[in-house]
Amino acid sequence: MKDLALIDKVPYGASFEEPKALAEKAGVYTANTSSTEKYEDIPGIKNYKNNNTVLGDGKVQQGHYIAARIPCPKEVEEMLRLALQRLGK
């Protein structure tokens, strides 16, 4: 984002919330709540993966497979709401 001039400086050593807030101001959204969290850690996704066989050769295919079988997680819904709001929708 710095290279694209969307933010002035990278806040190294800051809490996760600070760069997340800067990213959101630049139109980049994440459902993560920490820098170490993975997509698979979202509760609805984690629950599905722990209790079902997930088909697909990679994360994209597995994510598509899961998304077709569970309701949109609230974390993802919020991220999409922010993106649509930025677009004026």
Protein backbone atom coordinates (compact mmCIF):
# COMPACT_ATOMS: atom_id res chain seq x y z
CA MET A 1 0.00 0.00 0.00
CA LYS A 2 2.91 2.32 0.62
CA ASP A 3 4.28 1.62 -2.86
CA LEU A 4 0.89 2.56 -4.29
CA ALA A 5 0.88 5.78 -2.21
CA LEU A 6 -2.23 4.64 -0.37
CA ILE A 7 -0.53 5.12 3.01
CA ASP A 8 2.36 7.36 4.02
CA LYS A 9 4.30 5.02 6.28
CA VAL A 10 4.17 1.40 7.39
CA PRO A 11 3.57 1.22 11.16
CA TYR A 12 6.12 -1.49 12.01
CA GLY A 13 5.79 -2.81 15.55
CA ALA A 14 2.29 -1.39 15.96
CA SER A 15 -0.67 -3.39 17.19
CA PHE A 16 -2.61 -5.17 14.45
CA GLU A 17 -5.44 -2.66 14.75
CA GLU A 18 -3.30 0.30 13.61
CA PRO A 19 -2.25 -1.08 10.19
CA LYS A 20 -5.72 -2.62 9.78
CA ALA A 21 -7.30 0.84 10.25
CA LEU A 22 -4.83 2.39 7.78
CA ALA A 23 -5.58 -0.35 5.26
CA GLU A 24 -9.32 0.22 5.61
CA LYS A 25 -8.86 3.93 4.90
CA ALA A 26 -7.09 2.87 1.68
CA GLY A 27 -9.93 0.49 0.75
CA VAL A 28 -8.19 -2.75 1.76
CA TYR A 29 -10.24 -4.92 4.12
CA THR A 30 -9.55 -8.06 6.11
CA ALA A 31 -11.68 -10.32 8.28
CA ASN A 32 -8.62 -11.05 10.43
CA THR A 33 -8.41 -9.87 14.03
CA SER A 34 -4.65 -10.47 14.35
CA SER A 35 -1.59 -10.64 12.12
CA THR A 36 -1.30 -14.40 12.67
CA GLU A 37 -4.94 -15.30 12.05
CA LYS A 38 -5.76 -17.29 8.95
CA TYR A 39 -8.94 -17.47 6.89
CA GLU A 40 -9.42 -20.97 8.22
CA ASP A 41 -9.58 -19.57 11.78
CA ILE A 42 -12.93 -17.85 11.16
CA PRO A 43 -15.28 -19.83 13.45
CA GLY A 44 -17.82 -20.94 10.83
CA ILE A 45 -15.08 -22.08 8.45
CA LYS A 46 -13.07 -23.78 11.16
CA ASN A 47 -16.18 -25.60 12.39
CA TYR A 48 -17.01 -26.80 8.87
CA LYS A 49 -13.45 -27.99 8.22
CA ASN A 50 -13.32 -29.82 11.56
CA ASN A 51 -16.59 -31.67 10.93
CA ASN A 52 -16.62 -32.31 7.17
CA THR A 53 -14.48 -33.51 4.33
CA VAL A 54 -13.41 -30.54 2.22
CA LEU A 55 -12.79 -31.22 -1.45
CA GLY A 56 -10.42 -29.22 -3.63
CA ASP A 57 -6.73 -29.18 -4.53
CA GLY A 58 -5.86 -25.81 -2.99
CA LYS A 59 -7.12 -23.06 -0.71
CA VAL A 60 -9.09 -21.32 -3.45
CA GLN A 61 -10.96 -24.47 -4.44
CA GLN A 62 -11.49 -25.47 -0.80
CA GLY A 63 -12.74 -21.96 0.05
CA HIS A 64 -15.20 -22.10 -2.84
CA TYR A 65 -16.37 -25.55 -1.72
CA ILE A 66 -16.94 -24.35 1.86
CA ALA A 67 -18.58 -21.06 0.80
CA ALA A 68 -21.16 -22.98 -1.22
CA ARG A 69 -22.12 -24.95 1.91
CA ILE A 70 -22.24 -22.49 4.81
CA PRO A 71 -23.84 -19.10 5.40
CA CYS A 72 -21.54 -16.13 4.95
CA PRO A 73 -19.56 -15.71 8.20
CA LYS A 74 -20.35 -12.45 10.03
CA GLU A 75 -16.67 -11.45 9.81
CA VAL A 76 -16.76 -11.71 6.02
CA GLU A 77 -20.16 -10.01 5.85
CA GLU A 78 -18.74 -7.01 7.74
CA MET A 79 -15.74 -6.82 5.42
CA LEU A 80 -18.05 -6.85 2.38
CA ARG A 81 -20.30 -4.20 3.98
CA LEU A 82 -17.29 -1.90 4.42
CA ALA A 83 -16.23 -2.43 0.81
CA LEU A 84 -19.73 -1.71 -0.52
CA GLN A 85 -19.99 1.36 1.71
CA ARG A 86 -16.72 2.65 0.27
CA LEU A 87 -18.12 2.15 -3.22
CA GLY A 88 -21.23 4.10 -2.28
CA LYS A 89 -23.56 1.12 -2.46
